[in-house]
Amino acid sequence: MDSLIEMEIVEKFTSNNLFNARGEDIMCGYCIEEGIVYSLLEDEQAINKVDFLAPIFILESHNYFGTMTKIRNLSNFSRLIDVVFCRVWETLINEENDDAYQRISIKCGADTIDKFLSKIKGNQDHPSWHLLGDSNLYLSESNWKMFIDNKELLIRNSENTLALYHKWWIQGGNKETSDPGQRLEETGMMDPIDNTAPKEWDKFYSSFPFVFFSLNFLLRHKDSSDIIKKIALGKPSNVPDFSGYDLFLQRKAFAVCVKKYGVSFIIENYDDIRLELIGYVLLKKLICNEEMVVLKEHLLSHSHWVMGMNVDEVQQLITTNNHR
């Protein structure tokens, strides 16, 4: 990425108007998705010195270990261990004999790893996944193989975990929200992220590693599972937080559905799909030229609601990809 463009991105996402009177960021995951994720996909050299974007870079980067190495010296690196370890799980699920755990142990340090694993083992909301917090699981290839070979149980646990996540976080079932009038009176601002109560955000972030593992396990061993489609098509019931982990899960599920079912998945569910998701799979080059023709014709003949990206911008991505 051109250094001037990179500076503009950094300036845009570190300007004073991103913060409210309490010094907290007031942008949401949709804003970051539109402004940062697509720039990163176009050029992974977009990894810059902005600390708060590091989790997004690690989740989206093709080479997460290389990305982690580049941002290793940023302040408060220990807070990134959740997303780093998620990528380790992803690697181990797909490449069972990978030495990812050993590599991040050297980079992150034993204390950081141990704290994360203790948190996983002690999570009361996901008892079926406590074994993921046992360090012995990663120290021996045979231990991991014994764990990962229990596919029927892991598929069942994964589907249950994603179903609970979808019902609670995506559909908003039994999810506590805050009163907008009270928030306005207390803070003088109407920050949409605050629609979700603080304790629900805590639960979301503590649950994210288990949801991530579950999604990746199903993508590897049962990508036809209906819950994957539900995650791909389900917009979070409230405004996503700055990091947009829920949007990342949606993008990942959506990309796999398009890869598996083709452009027909987009056309059949067009009214429920954010245009940003179509832009995402185009940038990931998951649609062949023949199917892009079909998609372009559909875009031209059907109107669509707009959040950030519009139809013209999607058309431009199709044109660009057709010339590569």
Protein backbone atom coordinates (compact mmCIF):
# COMPACT_ATOMS: atom_id res chain seq x y z
CA MET A 1 0.00 0.00 0.00
CA ASP A 2 1.25 3.48 -0.84
CA SER A 3 2.65 5.17 2.27
CA LEU A 4 0.49 8.26 1.68
CA ILE A 5 -2.69 6.17 1.61
CA GLU A 6 -1.54 4.37 4.74
CA MET A 7 -1.02 7.70 6.51
CA GLU A 8 -4.52 8.80 5.48
CA ILE A 9 -6.02 5.61 6.96
CA VAL A 10 -4.10 6.10 10.19
CA GLU A 11 -5.15 9.74 10.40
CA LYS A 12 -8.78 8.91 9.67
CA PHE A 13 -9.02 6.30 12.38
CA THR A 14 -7.07 8.16 15.07
CA SER A 15 -8.75 11.55 14.76
CA ASN A 16 -10.30 13.17 17.82
CA ASN A 17 -13.86 12.71 16.61
CA LEU A 18 -13.64 8.98 17.23
CA PHE A 19 -13.95 9.45 20.96
CA ASN A 20 -16.75 10.57 23.22
CA ALA A 21 -16.66 12.69 26.37
CA ARG A 22 -15.46 9.69 28.42
CA GLY A 23 -12.48 9.15 26.13
CA GLU A 24 -13.99 5.99 24.66
CA ASP A 25 -14.18 5.19 20.95
CA ILE A 26 -17.60 5.82 19.43
CA MET A 27 -17.04 4.28 16.03
CA CYS A 28 -18.47 0.84 15.48
CA GLY A 29 -17.44 -2.38 13.78
CA TYR A 30 -19.25 -1.43 10.57
CA CYS A 31 -17.09 1.69 10.24
CA ILE A 32 -13.86 -0.25 10.73
CA GLU A 33 -14.98 -2.98 8.36
CA GLU A 34 -15.54 -0.47 5.59
CA GLY A 35 -12.45 1.64 6.25
CA ILE A 36 -9.80 -0.87 7.27
CA VAL A 37 -10.64 -4.47 6.43
CA TYR A 38 -10.92 -3.84 2.70
CA SER A 39 -7.71 -1.85 2.62
CA LEU A 40 -5.95 -4.74 4.35
CA LEU A 41 -7.33 -7.28 1.88
CA GLU A 42 -6.11 -5.20 -1.04
CA ASP A 43 -2.61 -5.03 0.41
CA GLU A 44 -1.41 -6.78 3.57
CA GLN A 45 1.40 -4.25 3.82
CA ALA A 46 -1.30 -2.00 5.29
CA ILE A 47 -0.23 -3.22 8.73
CA ASN A 48 0.66 0.04 10.38
CA LYS A 49 1.46 1.40 13.81
CA VAL A 50 -2.11 1.77 15.06
CA ASP A 51 -2.34 -0.29 18.21
CA PHE A 52 -6.12 -0.61 18.36
CA LEU A 53 -6.30 -2.13 14.86
CA ALA A 54 -3.93 -4.98 15.70
CA PRO A 55 -6.66 -7.57 16.49
CA ILE A 56 -8.29 -6.93 13.11
CA PHE A 57 -4.98 -7.37 11.30
CA ILE A 58 -4.31 -10.68 13.10
CA LEU A 59 -7.78 -12.06 12.35
CA GLU A 60 -7.80 -11.06 8.67
CA SER A 61 -4.16 -11.55 7.73
CA HIS A 62 -3.31 -14.58 5.62
CA ASN A 63 0.00 -14.89 7.48
CA TYR A 64 -1.05 -14.16 11.05
CA PHE A 65 2.32 -15.18 12.49
CA GLY A 66 4.13 -12.71 10.27
CA THR A 67 1.57 -10.06 11.18
CA MET A 68 2.02 -10.83 14.86
CA THR A 69 5.77 -10.46 14.49
CA LYS A 70 5.37 -7.04 12.90
CA ILE A 71 3.16 -5.73 15.70
CA ARG A 72 4.90 -7.58 18.55
CA ASN A 73 6.43 -4.42 19.95
CA LEU A 74 3.18 -2.48 20.20
CA SER A 75 2.02 -1.63 23.70
CA ASN A 76 -0.24 -4.03 25.59
CA PHE A 77 0.47 -6.98 23.32
CA SER A 78 -0.85 -9.42 25.94
CA ARG A 79 -4.43 -8.33 25.18
CA LEU A 80 -4.05 -9.83 21.70
CA ILE A 81 -3.44 -13.35 22.95
CA ASP A 82 -7.13 -14.25 22.47
CA VAL A 83 -7.08 -13.61 18.72
CA VAL A 84 -3.55 -14.99 18.33
CA PHE A 85 -4.54 -18.26 19.98
CA CYS A 86 -7.70 -18.40 17.89
CA ARG A 87 -5.53 -18.37 14.80
CA VAL A 88 -3.39 -21.12 16.34
CA TRP A 89 -6.54 -23.25 16.75
CA GLU A 90 -7.48 -22.54 13.15
CA THR A 91 -4.06 -23.71 12.01
CA LEU A 92 -4.13 -26.84 14.17
CA ILE A 93 -7.61 -27.78 12.96
CA ASN A 94 -6.49 -27.59 9.35
CA GLU A 95 -2.87 -28.71 9.75
CA GLU A 96 -2.79 -31.05 12.71
CA ASN A 97 0.99 -31.41 12.92
CA ASP A 98 1.73 -27.69 12.78
CA ASP A 99 4.14 -26.19 15.33
CA ALA A 100 2.03 -23.03 15.78
CA TYR A 101 1.75 -23.44 19.57
CA GLN A 102 5.52 -23.70 20.00
CA ARG A 103 6.08 -20.64 17.81
CA ILE A 104 3.65 -18.39 19.66
CA SER A 105 4.95 -19.63 23.02
CA ILE A 106 8.32 -18.21 22.09
CA LYS A 107 6.84 -14.96 20.78
CA CYS A 108 4.24 -14.34 23.49
CA GLY A 109 5.88 -15.80 26.57
CA ALA A 110 4.77 -18.53 28.95
CA ASP A 111 2.97 -16.21 31.38
CA THR A 112 0.73 -14.74 28.69
CA ILE A 113 -0.10 -18.20 27.33
CA ASP A 114 -0.80 -19.64 30.79
CA LYS A 115 -3.17 -16.80 31.70
CA PHE A 116 -5.14 -17.31 28.51
CA LEU A 117 -5.39 -21.08 28.95
CA SER A 118 -6.47 -20.65 32.58
CA LYS A 119 -9.22 -18.31 31.42
CA ILE A 120 -10.37 -20.89 28.85
CA LYS A 121 -10.34 -23.70 31.41
CA GLY A 122 -12.24 -21.63 33.96
CA ASN A 123 -15.01 -20.34 31.68
CA GLN A 124 -18.32 -21.37 33.21
CA ASP A 125 -20.42 -20.66 30.12
CA HIS A 126 -18.65 -23.24 27.94
CA PRO A 127 -17.82 -26.31 30.08
CA SER A 128 -17.71 -28.61 27.04
CA TRP A 129 -14.57 -26.79 25.84
CA HIS A 130 -12.52 -26.80 29.05
CA LEU A 131 -10.01 -29.23 27.56
CA LEU A 132 -8.91 -26.45 25.19
CA GLY A 133 -7.40 -24.79 28.25
CA ASP A 134 -5.07 -27.71 29.00
CA SER A 135 -1.53 -26.93 27.88
CA ASN A 136 -0.76 -30.66 27.55
CA LEU A 137 -3.10 -30.72 24.58
CA TYR A 138 -0.61 -28.64 22.59
CA LEU A 139 2.65 -30.11 23.84
CA SER A 140 2.18 -33.46 22.17
CA GLU A 141 1.05 -34.20 18.64
CA SER A 142 -0.56 -37.43 19.84
CA ASN A 143 -2.58 -35.56 22.50
CA TRP A 144 -3.95 -33.13 19.93
CA LYS A 145 -4.71 -35.94 17.49
CA MET A 146 -6.60 -37.86 20.17
CA PHE A 147 -8.65 -34.74 20.90
CA ILE A 148 -9.32 -33.68 17.32
CA ASP A 149 -10.17 -37.22 16.15
CA ASN A 150 -13.27 -37.26 18.36
CA LYS A 151 -15.10 -35.62 15.46
CA GLU A 152 -18.69 -36.54 16.23
CA LEU A 153 -18.52 -35.07 19.73
CA LEU A 154 -16.67 -31.95 18.53
CA ILE A 155 -19.15 -31.39 15.69
CA ARG A 156 -22.04 -31.68 18.14
CA ASN A 157 -20.39 -29.30 20.61
CA SER A 158 -19.54 -26.87 17.81
CA GLU A 159 -23.09 -26.80 16.46
CA ASN A 160 -24.49 -26.29 19.96
CA THR A 161 -22.04 -23.46 20.67
CA LEU A 162 -22.86 -21.67 17.42
CA ALA A 163 -26.59 -22.18 17.88
CA LEU A 164 -26.43 -20.56 21.34
CA TYR A 165 -24.31 -17.72 19.96
CA HIS A 166 -26.75 -17.14 17.10
CA LYS A 167 -29.82 -17.12 19.33
CA TRP A 168 -28.23 -14.87 21.97
CA TRP A 169 -25.95 -12.48 20.09
CA ILE A 170 -27.32 -12.41 16.55
CA GLN A 171 -31.03 -12.66 17.29
CA GLY A 172 -30.84 -10.92 20.67
CA GLY A 173 -32.55 -13.65 22.67
CA ASN A 174 -32.14 -13.12 26.45
CA LYS A 175 -29.63 -10.37 25.73
CA GLU A 176 -29.63 -7.43 28.12
CA THR A 177 -29.70 -3.97 26.57
CA SER A 178 -29.47 -0.53 28.16
CA ASP A 179 -32.05 2.25 28.12
CA PRO A 180 -31.14 4.90 25.48
CA GLY A 181 -32.83 7.70 27.41
CA GLN A 182 -30.90 6.89 30.56
CA ARG A 183 -27.62 6.70 28.62
CA LEU A 184 -28.26 10.10 27.08
CA GLU A 185 -29.04 11.59 30.48
CA GLU A 186 -25.95 10.09 32.12
CA THR A 187 -23.37 10.68 29.38
CA GLY A 188 -24.83 13.37 27.15
CA MET A 189 -24.17 11.14 24.13
CA MET A 190 -26.06 8.52 22.17
CA ASP A 191 -23.30 6.00 21.51
CA PRO A 192 -25.01 3.13 19.62
CA ILE A 193 -22.47 0.59 20.89
CA ASP A 194 -23.80 1.20 24.40
CA ASN A 195 -27.10 -0.40 23.37
CA THR A 196 -25.51 -3.60 24.67
CA ALA A 197 -25.05 -3.76 28.44
CA PRO A 198 -21.40 -3.92 29.67
CA LYS A 199 -21.82 -7.39 31.18
CA GLU A 200 -23.04 -8.67 27.81
CA TRP A 201 -19.93 -7.30 26.13
CA ASP A 202 -17.83 -9.11 28.74
CA LYS A 203 -19.70 -12.33 28.00
CA PHE A 204 -19.27 -11.83 24.25
CA TYR A 205 -15.49 -11.38 24.45
CA SER A 206 -15.07 -14.32 26.84
CA SER A 207 -17.19 -16.47 24.49
CA PHE A 208 -15.49 -15.41 21.26
CA PRO A 209 -12.64 -17.98 21.39
CA PHE A 210 -15.12 -20.85 21.74
CA VAL A 211 -17.32 -19.52 18.95
CA PHE A 212 -14.24 -19.06 16.76
CA PHE A 213 -13.04 -22.62 17.42
CA SER A 214 -16.53 -24.03 16.79
CA LEU A 215 -16.94 -22.21 13.50
CA ASN A 216 -13.53 -23.29 12.24
CA PHE A 217 -14.07 -26.89 13.28
CA LEU A 218 -17.36 -27.05 11.37
CA LEU A 219 -15.83 -25.33 8.35
CA ARG A 220 -13.25 -28.11 8.28
CA HIS A 221 -15.40 -31.12 9.15
CA LYS A 222 -19.05 -30.24 8.39
CA ASP A 223 -19.25 -27.18 6.17
CA SER A 224 -22.79 -28.15 5.15
CA SER A 225 -24.09 -27.42 8.66
CA ASP A 226 -27.12 -25.14 8.54
CA ILE A 227 -25.81 -23.03 11.43
CA ILE A 228 -22.95 -21.80 9.20
CA LYS A 229 -25.51 -20.30 6.81
CA LYS A 230 -27.30 -18.68 9.74
CA ILE A 231 -24.06 -17.08 10.95
CA ALA A 232 -23.29 -15.92 7.40
CA LEU A 233 -26.66 -14.24 6.94
CA GLY A 234 -27.35 -13.02 10.48
CA LYS A 235 -26.69 -9.38 11.31
CA PRO A 236 -25.88 -8.76 15.01
CA SER A 237 -28.94 -7.66 16.97
CA ASN A 238 -27.11 -4.54 18.21
CA VAL A 239 -24.34 -2.32 16.87
CA PRO A 240 -20.99 -4.19 16.72
CA ASP A 241 -18.12 -3.01 18.89
CA PHE A 242 -15.09 -1.26 17.41
CA SER A 243 -13.18 -4.50 16.83
CA GLY A 244 -16.14 -6.13 15.06
CA TYR A 245 -15.36 -9.72 16.05
CA ASP A 246 -18.97 -10.66 15.31
CA LEU A 247 -18.67 -9.17 11.82
CA PHE A 248 -15.47 -11.11 11.30
CA LEU A 249 -17.28 -14.36 12.14
CA GLN A 250 -20.01 -13.41 9.69
CA ARG A 251 -17.50 -12.59 6.94
CA LYS A 252 -15.71 -15.90 7.47
CA ALA A 253 -18.93 -17.93 7.36
CA PHE A 254 -20.18 -15.99 4.35
CA ALA A 255 -16.95 -16.54 2.43
CA VAL A 256 -17.16 -20.29 2.99
CA CYS A 257 -20.80 -20.38 1.88
CA VAL A 258 -19.97 -18.54 -1.35
CA LYS A 259 -17.02 -20.84 -1.94
CA LYS A 260 -19.20 -23.91 -1.38
CA TYR A 261 -22.48 -22.87 -3.02
CA GLY A 262 -21.25 -20.31 -5.54
CA VAL A 263 -22.82 -17.01 -6.50
CA SER A 264 -26.27 -18.61 -6.19
CA PHE A 265 -25.90 -18.26 -2.42
CA ILE A 266 -25.69 -14.49 -2.89
CA ILE A 267 -28.57 -14.28 -5.35
CA GLU A 268 -30.90 -16.49 -3.29
CA ASN A 269 -30.26 -14.46 -0.14
CA TYR A 270 -29.65 -11.08 -1.77
CA ASP A 271 -32.17 -9.09 0.28
CA ASP A 272 -30.60 -10.26 3.56
CA ILE A 273 -26.96 -9.67 2.61
CA ARG A 274 -24.95 -6.54 3.33
CA LEU A 275 -23.18 -5.34 0.19
CA GLU A 276 -19.98 -5.22 2.26
CA LEU A 277 -20.05 -9.02 2.40
CA ILE A 278 -20.22 -9.24 -1.39
CA GLY A 279 -17.32 -6.81 -1.60
CA TYR A 280 -15.40 -8.98 0.85
CA VAL A 281 -15.66 -12.18 -1.19
CA LEU A 282 -14.76 -10.27 -4.35
CA LEU A 283 -11.59 -9.00 -2.70
CA LYS A 284 -10.86 -12.52 -1.50
CA LYS A 285 -11.23 -13.62 -5.15
CA LEU A 286 -13.74 -16.35 -4.29
CA ILE A 287 -15.95 -15.76 -7.34
CA CYS A 288 -14.83 -16.92 -10.76
CA ASN A 289 -15.16 -14.71 -13.85
CA GLU A 290 -18.17 -16.60 -15.20
CA GLU A 291 -20.08 -16.18 -11.94
CA MET A 292 -19.08 -12.53 -11.71
CA VAL A 293 -21.00 -11.94 -14.94
CA VAL A 294 -24.10 -13.48 -13.34
CA LEU A 295 -23.60 -11.40 -10.18
CA LYS A 296 -23.15 -8.20 -12.16
CA GLU A 297 -26.37 -8.78 -14.06
CA HIS A 298 -28.20 -9.39 -10.80
CA LEU A 299 -26.83 -6.19 -9.26
CA LEU A 300 -27.92 -4.19 -12.30
CA SER A 301 -31.47 -5.55 -12.25
CA HIS A 302 -32.17 -5.50 -8.50
CA SER A 303 -32.16 -2.61 -6.05
CA HIS A 304 -30.51 -3.02 -2.65
CA TRP A 305 -30.45 -1.20 0.66
CA VAL A 306 -27.22 0.59 1.61
CA MET A 307 -25.27 0.67 4.87
CA GLY A 308 -21.82 1.80 3.76
CA MET A 309 -20.84 0.24 0.46
CA ASN A 310 -23.19 0.84 -2.48
CA VAL A 311 -23.96 -1.14 -5.62
CA ASP A 312 -21.70 1.03 -7.80
CA GLU A 313 -18.73 0.24 -5.55
CA VAL A 314 -19.46 -3.48 -5.77
CA GLN A 315 -19.70 -3.17 -9.55
CA GLN A 316 -16.31 -1.47 -9.58
CA LEU A 317 -14.81 -4.39 -7.64
CA ILE A 318 -16.24 -6.81 -10.20
CA THR A 319 -14.74 -4.78 -13.04
CA THR A 320 -11.38 -4.58 -11.28
CA ASN A 321 -11.29 -8.33 -10.56
CA ASN A 322 -12.21 -9.14 -14.16
CA HIS A 323 -9.11 -7.27 -15.33
CA ARG A 324 -6.72 -9.14 -13.04
